[in-house]
Amino acid sequence: MYLLDTNHCSHIINGDFAIISQLQQNANAGVATSVIVQGELIFMAQNSQQQASNLQRVEAFLQAIDLYPVNGEVGNCYGKLKAKLYAQFAPKEKNKRRQTRLQDVGFDDNDLWIAATALQYNLTIVSSDSDFQRIQQVQRFPLVSWVSSDQSS
């Protein structure tokens, strides 16, 4: 089962044929996204130049795909994962560590929620976001990208 990150959902919403083809090829394995991605997509549409049309396209996409929720089990996984990232990447001095935010060590909170969802449900994350590769330094999980290298630049 695949869990699409925001960048791949955006490609699909924007009609990227190569990504849509990958989606169709993998449909039998199951493809879903997270409510975290839902929030990111809505935010992007709300802040776009063509708000009404973009919201309409995002909502149509979200109605056609399954969404994984954030629940207690995902929350537990998130907390453990965040602790591992702090142990690996945050300053070792206690005073500095207390003042260090996740963003200070180079991670986006939403990516941690998405990774925790994938870990909890044993899903393969589909993303071209390098944060997930860094998260794998402390916790391994399946990760693929359907974006070819010439598209990701």
N, C-alpha and C. Protein backbone atom coordinates (compact mmCIF):
# COMPACT_ATOMS: atom_id res chain seq x y z
N MET A 1 0.85 -1.18 0.00
CA MET A 1 0.00 0.00 0.00
C MET A 1 0.89 1.24 0.00
N TYR A 2 0.51 2.21 -0.80
CA TYR A 2 1.28 3.44 -0.97
C TYR A 2 0.60 4.62 -0.27
N LEU A 3 1.42 5.48 0.33
CA LEU A 3 0.96 6.70 0.97
C LEU A 3 1.59 7.88 0.23
N LEU A 4 0.77 8.63 -0.51
CA LEU A 4 1.27 9.74 -1.31
C LEU A 4 1.55 10.96 -0.44
N ASP A 5 2.73 11.54 -0.65
CA ASP A 5 3.08 12.81 -0.01
C ASP A 5 2.51 13.95 -0.86
N THR A 6 2.57 15.14 -0.32
CA THR A 6 1.99 16.32 -0.95
C THR A 6 2.55 16.57 -2.35
N ASN A 7 3.84 16.40 -2.53
CA ASN A 7 4.42 16.71 -3.84
C ASN A 7 3.85 15.81 -4.93
N HIS A 8 3.63 14.53 -4.64
CA HIS A 8 3.07 13.64 -5.64
C HIS A 8 1.58 13.92 -5.86
N CYS A 9 0.86 14.25 -4.80
CA CYS A 9 -0.55 14.62 -4.95
C CYS A 9 -0.68 15.86 -5.83
N SER A 10 0.20 16.82 -5.64
CA SER A 10 0.18 18.04 -6.45
C SER A 10 0.40 17.71 -7.92
N HIS A 11 1.34 16.81 -8.19
CA HIS A 11 1.59 16.40 -9.58
C HIS A 11 0.32 15.79 -10.19
N ILE A 12 -0.36 14.97 -9.42
CA ILE A 12 -1.59 14.33 -9.91
C ILE A 12 -2.67 15.38 -10.16
N ILE A 13 -2.87 16.25 -9.20
CA ILE A 13 -3.89 17.31 -9.33
C ILE A 13 -3.60 18.20 -10.54
N ASN A 14 -2.32 18.43 -10.82
CA ASN A 14 -1.94 19.28 -11.94
C ASN A 14 -1.89 18.52 -13.27
N GLY A 15 -2.29 17.25 -13.26
CA GLY A 15 -2.39 16.48 -14.50
C GLY A 15 -1.09 15.94 -15.04
N ASP A 16 -0.10 15.73 -14.20
CA ASP A 16 1.18 15.19 -14.64
C ASP A 16 0.98 13.74 -15.13
N PHE A 17 1.08 13.55 -16.44
CA PHE A 17 0.78 12.25 -17.04
C PHE A 17 1.66 11.13 -16.48
N ALA A 18 2.95 11.40 -16.31
CA ALA A 18 3.86 10.36 -15.83
C ALA A 18 3.47 9.87 -14.43
N ILE A 19 3.11 10.80 -13.56
CA ILE A 19 2.73 10.42 -12.19
C ILE A 19 1.36 9.74 -12.20
N ILE A 20 0.44 10.23 -13.00
CA ILE A 20 -0.88 9.61 -13.10
C ILE A 20 -0.74 8.18 -13.64
N SER A 21 0.16 7.98 -14.58
CA SER A 21 0.42 6.64 -15.11
C SER A 21 0.94 5.71 -14.01
N GLN A 22 1.87 6.21 -13.19
CA GLN A 22 2.39 5.42 -12.06
C GLN A 22 1.27 5.10 -11.07
N LEU A 23 0.41 6.08 -10.82
CA LEU A 23 -0.73 5.88 -9.93
C LEU A 23 -1.61 4.75 -10.45
N GLN A 24 -1.92 4.78 -11.74
CA GLN A 24 -2.75 3.75 -12.34
C GLN A 24 -2.08 2.38 -12.28
N GLN A 25 -0.77 2.33 -12.53
CA GLN A 25 -0.04 1.07 -12.49
C GLN A 25 -0.02 0.46 -11.09
N ASN A 26 -0.07 1.30 -10.07
CA ASN A 26 0.01 0.83 -8.69
C ASN A 26 -1.33 0.80 -7.96
N ALA A 27 -2.40 1.07 -8.68
CA ALA A 27 -3.72 1.16 -8.04
C ALA A 27 -4.12 -0.15 -7.36
N ASN A 28 -3.76 -1.29 -7.94
CA ASN A 28 -4.11 -2.57 -7.34
C ASN A 28 -3.42 -2.81 -6.00
N ALA A 29 -2.26 -2.19 -5.81
CA ALA A 29 -1.54 -2.33 -4.54
C ALA A 29 -2.17 -1.45 -3.47
N GLY A 30 -2.98 -0.49 -3.88
CA GLY A 30 -3.62 0.43 -2.95
C GLY A 30 -2.83 1.72 -2.84
N VAL A 31 -3.53 2.83 -3.02
CA VAL A 31 -2.91 4.15 -2.94
C VAL A 31 -3.81 5.04 -2.11
N ALA A 32 -3.21 5.72 -1.14
CA ALA A 32 -3.95 6.62 -0.25
C ALA A 32 -3.05 7.80 0.07
N THR A 33 -3.58 8.72 0.87
CA THR A 33 -2.77 9.81 1.40
C THR A 33 -3.19 10.04 2.85
N SER A 34 -2.66 11.05 3.45
CA SER A 34 -2.88 11.34 4.87
C SER A 34 -3.71 12.61 5.04
N VAL A 35 -4.40 12.72 6.15
CA VAL A 35 -5.10 13.97 6.45
C VAL A 35 -4.11 15.12 6.59
N ILE A 36 -2.87 14.82 6.90
CA ILE A 36 -1.84 15.86 6.96
C ILE A 36 -1.63 16.44 5.56
N VAL A 37 -1.55 15.56 4.56
CA VAL A 37 -1.41 16.00 3.17
C VAL A 37 -2.66 16.77 2.76
N GLN A 38 -3.82 16.30 3.17
CA GLN A 38 -5.06 17.01 2.89
C GLN A 38 -4.95 18.47 3.36
N GLY A 39 -4.49 18.66 4.57
CA GLY A 39 -4.33 20.01 5.11
C GLY A 39 -3.35 20.84 4.30
N GLU A 40 -2.24 20.23 3.89
CA GLU A 40 -1.25 20.96 3.09
C GLU A 40 -1.82 21.35 1.73
N LEU A 41 -2.56 20.45 1.10
CA LEU A 41 -3.16 20.75 -0.20
C LEU A 41 -4.19 21.86 -0.10
N ILE A 42 -5.04 21.82 0.91
CA ILE A 42 -6.04 22.87 1.11
C ILE A 42 -5.36 24.20 1.36
N PHE A 43 -4.32 24.20 2.18
CA PHE A 43 -3.57 25.42 2.46
C PHE A 43 -2.98 26.00 1.18
N MET A 44 -2.37 25.15 0.36
CA MET A 44 -1.77 25.62 -0.89
C MET A 44 -2.83 26.22 -1.81
N ALA A 45 -3.98 25.56 -1.91
CA ALA A 45 -5.04 26.07 -2.77
C ALA A 45 -5.59 27.40 -2.24
N GLN A 46 -5.75 27.49 -0.91
CA GLN A 46 -6.26 28.72 -0.30
C GLN A 46 -5.34 29.90 -0.56
N ASN A 47 -4.06 29.64 -0.68
CA ASN A 47 -3.08 30.72 -0.86
C ASN A 47 -2.64 30.90 -2.31
N SER A 48 -3.34 30.28 -3.23
CA SER A 48 -2.96 30.37 -4.63
C SER A 48 -3.64 31.55 -5.33
N GLN A 49 -3.18 31.85 -6.52
CA GLN A 49 -3.75 32.94 -7.33
C GLN A 49 -5.15 32.58 -7.81
N GLN A 50 -5.38 31.32 -8.15
CA GLN A 50 -6.69 30.87 -8.63
C GLN A 50 -7.34 30.01 -7.54
N GLN A 51 -7.65 30.64 -6.45
CA GLN A 51 -8.13 29.94 -5.25
C GLN A 51 -9.34 29.05 -5.54
N ALA A 52 -10.36 29.57 -6.16
CA ALA A 52 -11.61 28.81 -6.36
C ALA A 52 -11.38 27.58 -7.22
N SER A 53 -10.70 27.73 -8.35
CA SER A 53 -10.49 26.57 -9.23
C SER A 53 -9.53 25.56 -8.60
N ASN A 54 -8.51 26.04 -7.90
CA ASN A 54 -7.58 25.12 -7.25
C ASN A 54 -8.23 24.37 -6.11
N LEU A 55 -9.08 25.05 -5.33
CA LEU A 55 -9.81 24.35 -4.27
C LEU A 55 -10.72 23.29 -4.85
N GLN A 56 -11.36 23.59 -5.95
CA GLN A 56 -12.24 22.63 -6.60
C GLN A 56 -11.46 21.38 -7.05
N ARG A 57 -10.29 21.59 -7.65
CA ARG A 57 -9.46 20.46 -8.11
C ARG A 57 -8.95 19.65 -6.92
N VAL A 58 -8.51 20.33 -5.87
CA VAL A 58 -8.02 19.63 -4.67
C VAL A 58 -9.14 18.81 -4.05
N GLU A 59 -10.31 19.40 -3.91
CA GLU A 59 -11.44 18.69 -3.29
C GLU A 59 -11.87 17.49 -4.13
N ALA A 60 -11.84 17.62 -5.45
CA ALA A 60 -12.17 16.49 -6.33
C ALA A 60 -11.15 15.36 -6.13
N PHE A 61 -9.88 15.72 -6.04
CA PHE A 61 -8.84 14.71 -5.80
C PHE A 61 -9.06 14.03 -4.45
N LEU A 62 -9.32 14.81 -3.41
CA LEU A 62 -9.47 14.25 -2.07
C LEU A 62 -10.70 13.35 -1.96
N GLN A 63 -11.72 13.62 -2.73
CA GLN A 63 -12.91 12.75 -2.72
C GLN A 63 -12.63 11.41 -3.39
N ALA A 64 -11.61 11.37 -4.25
CA ALA A 64 -11.31 10.16 -5.02
C ALA A 64 -10.22 9.29 -4.39
N ILE A 65 -9.67 9.70 -3.26
CA ILE A 65 -8.57 8.95 -2.65
C ILE A 65 -8.87 8.70 -1.17
N ASP A 66 -8.41 7.56 -0.68
CA ASP A 66 -8.58 7.25 0.74
C ASP A 66 -7.62 8.10 1.57
N LEU A 67 -8.07 8.48 2.76
CA LEU A 67 -7.27 9.29 3.67
C LEU A 67 -7.01 8.53 4.95
N TYR A 68 -5.74 8.46 5.35
CA TYR A 68 -5.39 7.89 6.65
C TYR A 68 -5.49 8.98 7.70
N PRO A 69 -6.16 8.70 8.82
CA PRO A 69 -6.30 9.70 9.88
C PRO A 69 -5.09 9.72 10.81
N VAL A 70 -5.01 10.75 11.61
CA VAL A 70 -4.07 10.78 12.73
C VAL A 70 -4.87 10.31 13.94
N ASN A 71 -4.38 9.27 14.59
CA ASN A 71 -5.07 8.73 15.76
C ASN A 71 -4.04 8.47 16.86
N GLY A 72 -4.46 7.83 17.92
CA GLY A 72 -3.58 7.59 19.06
C GLY A 72 -2.35 6.77 18.71
N GLU A 73 -2.53 5.75 17.89
CA GLU A 73 -1.40 4.90 17.51
C GLU A 73 -0.39 5.68 16.67
N VAL A 74 -0.89 6.48 15.74
CA VAL A 74 0.00 7.32 14.93
C VAL A 74 0.70 8.34 15.83
N GLY A 75 -0.03 8.88 16.80
CA GLY A 75 0.56 9.83 17.75
C GLY A 75 1.70 9.21 18.55
N ASN A 76 1.52 7.96 18.99
CA ASN A 76 2.60 7.26 19.70
C ASN A 76 3.81 7.06 18.81
N CYS A 77 3.57 6.67 17.58
CA CYS A 77 4.65 6.46 16.62
C CYS A 77 5.37 7.78 16.34
N TYR A 78 4.61 8.86 16.20
CA TYR A 78 5.18 10.19 15.97
C TYR A 78 6.11 10.58 17.13
N GLY A 79 5.64 10.40 18.36
CA GLY A 79 6.45 10.76 19.52
C GLY A 79 7.76 9.99 19.59
N LYS A 80 7.71 8.71 19.31
CA LYS A 80 8.93 7.88 19.32
C LYS A 80 9.88 8.31 18.21
N LEU A 81 9.32 8.56 17.04
CA LEU A 81 10.15 8.98 15.90
C LEU A 81 10.80 10.33 16.16
N LYS A 82 10.05 11.26 16.69
CA LYS A 82 10.58 12.59 17.01
C LYS A 82 11.70 12.49 18.04
N ALA A 83 11.53 11.64 19.04
CA ALA A 83 12.57 11.45 20.06
C ALA A 83 13.85 10.89 19.43
N LYS A 84 13.71 9.96 18.50
CA LYS A 84 14.88 9.40 17.82
C LYS A 84 15.60 10.48 17.00
N LEU A 85 14.82 11.33 16.34
CA LEU A 85 15.43 12.40 15.54
C LEU A 85 16.18 13.40 16.43
N TYR A 86 15.58 13.73 17.57
CA TYR A 86 16.28 14.63 18.51
C TYR A 86 17.55 13.99 19.04
N ALA A 87 17.48 12.71 19.36
CA ALA A 87 18.67 12.02 19.87
C ALA A 87 19.80 12.03 18.84
N GLN A 88 19.44 11.91 17.58
CA GLN A 88 20.44 11.86 16.51
C GLN A 88 20.93 13.24 16.07
N PHE A 89 20.02 14.22 15.97
CA PHE A 89 20.35 15.47 15.30
C PHE A 89 20.38 16.72 16.18
N ALA A 90 19.73 16.69 17.33
CA ALA A 90 19.68 17.88 18.19
C ALA A 90 20.98 18.02 18.98
N PRO A 91 21.24 19.22 19.48
CA PRO A 91 22.44 19.40 20.31
C PRO A 91 22.41 18.46 21.52
N LYS A 92 23.57 18.05 21.95
CA LYS A 92 23.66 17.10 23.08
C LYS A 92 23.53 17.80 24.43
N GLU A 93 23.86 19.11 24.49
CA GLU A 93 23.76 19.85 25.74
C GLU A 93 22.29 20.05 26.10
N LYS A 94 21.94 19.74 27.33
CA LYS A 94 20.54 19.77 27.78
C LYS A 94 19.88 21.13 27.58
N ASN A 95 20.58 22.21 27.93
CA ASN A 95 20.00 23.55 27.80
C ASN A 95 19.70 23.90 26.34
N LYS A 96 20.62 23.56 25.45
CA LYS A 96 20.42 23.83 24.03
C LYS A 96 19.31 22.94 23.46
N ARG A 97 19.26 21.70 23.89
CA ARG A 97 18.27 20.75 23.37
C ARG A 97 16.85 21.22 23.71
N ARG A 98 16.66 21.75 24.92
CA ARG A 98 15.33 22.21 25.33
C ARG A 98 14.80 23.33 24.43
N GLN A 99 15.71 24.14 23.93
CA GLN A 99 15.31 25.28 23.09
C GLN A 99 15.27 24.93 21.61
N THR A 100 15.65 23.73 21.26
CA THR A 100 15.72 23.33 19.86
C THR A 100 14.36 22.82 19.38
N ARG A 101 13.92 23.41 18.27
CA ARG A 101 12.68 22.95 17.65
C ARG A 101 13.03 21.98 16.53
N LEU A 102 12.07 21.23 16.12
CA LEU A 102 12.27 20.25 15.04
C LEU A 102 12.80 20.92 13.78
N GLN A 103 12.28 22.08 13.45
CA GLN A 103 12.71 22.81 12.27
C GLN A 103 14.18 23.23 12.39
N ASP A 104 14.66 23.44 13.62
CA ASP A 104 16.05 23.83 13.83
C ASP A 104 17.03 22.74 13.42
N VAL A 105 16.58 21.49 13.43
CA VAL A 105 17.45 20.38 13.02
C VAL A 105 17.10 19.90 11.61
N GLY A 106 16.28 20.70 10.93
CA GLY A 106 16.05 20.46 9.51
C GLY A 106 14.89 19.56 9.13
N PHE A 107 13.89 19.44 9.99
CA PHE A 107 12.74 18.58 9.68
C PHE A 107 11.45 19.38 9.76
N ASP A 108 10.52 18.99 8.91
CA ASP A 108 9.19 19.57 8.92
C ASP A 108 8.28 18.67 9.75
N ASP A 109 7.53 19.26 10.66
CA ASP A 109 6.64 18.50 11.54
C ASP A 109 5.65 17.66 10.73
N ASN A 110 5.11 18.22 9.65
CA ASN A 110 4.15 17.47 8.86
C ASN A 110 4.76 16.20 8.26
N ASP A 111 6.02 16.29 7.85
CA ASP A 111 6.68 15.10 7.31
C ASP A 111 6.80 14.00 8.37
N LEU A 112 7.01 14.39 9.62
CA LEU A 112 7.06 13.41 10.70
C LEU A 112 5.71 12.73 10.90
N TRP A 113 4.63 13.50 10.82
CA TRP A 113 3.29 12.91 10.94
C TRP A 113 3.03 11.94 9.79
N ILE A 114 3.45 12.30 8.59
CA ILE A 114 3.28 11.42 7.44
C ILE A 114 4.11 10.15 7.61
N ALA A 115 5.35 10.31 8.04
CA ALA A 115 6.21 9.14 8.28
C ALA A 115 5.63 8.25 9.38
N ALA A 116 5.12 8.86 10.43
CA ALA A 116 4.52 8.09 11.53
C ALA A 116 3.30 7.31 11.04
N THR A 117 2.52 7.92 10.17
CA THR A 117 1.36 7.23 9.59
C THR A 117 1.83 6.03 8.78
N ALA A 118 2.84 6.23 7.96
CA ALA A 118 3.37 5.13 7.15
C ALA A 118 3.92 4.01 8.02
N LEU A 119 4.64 4.38 9.07
CA LEU A 119 5.20 3.37 9.97
C LEU A 119 4.10 2.60 10.69
N GLN A 120 3.11 3.30 11.19
CA GLN A 120 2.03 2.65 11.93
C GLN A 120 1.27 1.64 11.08
N TYR A 121 1.03 1.99 9.82
CA TYR A 121 0.22 1.14 8.95
C TYR A 121 1.04 0.33 7.94
N ASN A 122 2.37 0.37 8.08
CA ASN A 122 3.26 -0.38 7.19
C ASN A 122 3.03 -0.01 5.72
N LEU A 123 3.09 1.29 5.44
CA LEU A 123 2.86 1.82 4.11
C LEU A 123 4.18 2.27 3.48
N THR A 124 4.21 2.31 2.17
CA THR A 124 5.34 2.85 1.42
C THR A 124 5.05 4.31 1.11
N ILE A 125 5.92 5.21 1.57
CA ILE A 125 5.76 6.64 1.28
C ILE A 125 6.20 6.89 -0.16
N VAL A 126 5.38 7.64 -0.89
CA VAL A 126 5.70 8.05 -2.25
C VAL A 126 5.96 9.54 -2.21
N SER A 127 7.25 9.92 -2.32
CA SER A 127 7.63 11.32 -2.16
C SER A 127 8.97 11.58 -2.83
N SER A 128 9.15 12.82 -3.25
CA SER A 128 10.46 13.27 -3.73
C SER A 128 11.08 14.24 -2.73
N ASP A 129 10.55 14.27 -1.52
CA ASP A 129 11.01 15.15 -0.45
C ASP A 129 12.21 14.51 0.26
N SER A 130 13.33 15.20 0.30
CA SER A 130 14.54 14.65 0.90
C SER A 130 14.44 14.49 2.41
N ASP A 131 13.48 15.16 3.06
CA ASP A 131 13.31 14.97 4.51
C ASP A 131 13.08 13.51 4.87
N PHE A 132 12.36 12.79 4.03
CA PHE A 132 12.07 11.39 4.34
C PHE A 132 13.34 10.55 4.29
N GLN A 133 14.26 10.88 3.40
CA GLN A 133 15.54 10.17 3.37
C GLN A 133 16.33 10.43 4.65
N ARG A 134 16.27 11.65 5.14
CA ARG A 134 16.96 11.96 6.41
C ARG A 134 16.31 11.26 7.58
N ILE A 135 14.97 11.19 7.59
CA ILE A 135 14.27 10.50 8.67
C ILE A 135 14.68 9.03 8.69
N GLN A 136 14.96 8.46 7.54
CA GLN A 136 15.37 7.06 7.46
C GLN A 136 16.72 6.80 8.15
N GLN A 137 17.45 7.84 8.47
CA GLN A 137 18.69 7.65 9.21
C GLN A 137 18.44 7.14 10.62
N VAL A 138 17.23 7.38 11.15
CA VAL A 138 16.90 6.91 12.50
C VAL A 138 15.82 5.83 12.50
N GLN A 139 15.04 5.75 11.42
CA GLN A 139 13.96 4.75 11.34
C GLN A 139 13.72 4.40 9.88
N ARG A 140 13.97 3.15 9.55
CA ARG A 140 13.79 2.70 8.17
C ARG A 140 12.31 2.47 7.86
N PHE A 141 11.92 2.80 6.64
CA PHE A 141 10.58 2.54 6.13
C PHE A 141 10.68 2.57 4.60
N PRO A 142 9.74 1.93 3.93
CA PRO A 142 9.77 1.93 2.46
C PRO A 142 9.50 3.34 1.92
N LEU A 143 10.31 3.74 0.94
CA LEU A 143 10.21 5.07 0.35
C LEU A 143 10.52 4.97 -1.13
N VAL A 144 9.63 5.49 -1.97
CA VAL A 144 9.86 5.55 -3.41
C VAL A 144 9.45 6.92 -3.91
N SER A 145 9.92 7.23 -5.12
CA SER A 145 9.46 8.45 -5.81
C SER A 145 9.03 8.04 -7.21
N TRP A 146 7.90 8.58 -7.65
CA TRP A 146 7.42 8.35 -9.00
C TRP A 146 7.81 9.50 -9.92
N VAL A 147 8.54 10.46 -9.39
CA VAL A 147 9.00 11.60 -10.19
C VAL A 147 10.35 11.24 -10.77
N SER A 148 10.47 11.36 -12.09
CA SER A 148 11.76 11.07 -12.70
C SER A 148 12.74 12.18 -12.34
N SER A 149 14.02 11.88 -12.42
CA SER A 149 15.04 12.85 -11.99
C SER A 149 14.98 14.15 -12.79
N ASP A 150 14.58 14.11 -14.06
CA ASP A 150 14.50 15.34 -14.82
C ASP A 150 13.26 16.17 -14.47
N GLN A 151 12.26 15.56 -13.79
CA GLN A 151 11.09 16.31 -13.35
C GLN A 151 11.30 16.96 -12.00
N SER A 152 12.15 16.39 -11.16
CA SER A 152 12.24 16.83 -9.76
C SER A 152 13.04 18.11 -9.58
N SER A 153 13.68 18.59 -10.63
CA SER A 153 14.46 19.83 -10.47
C SER A 153 13.63 21.06 -10.68
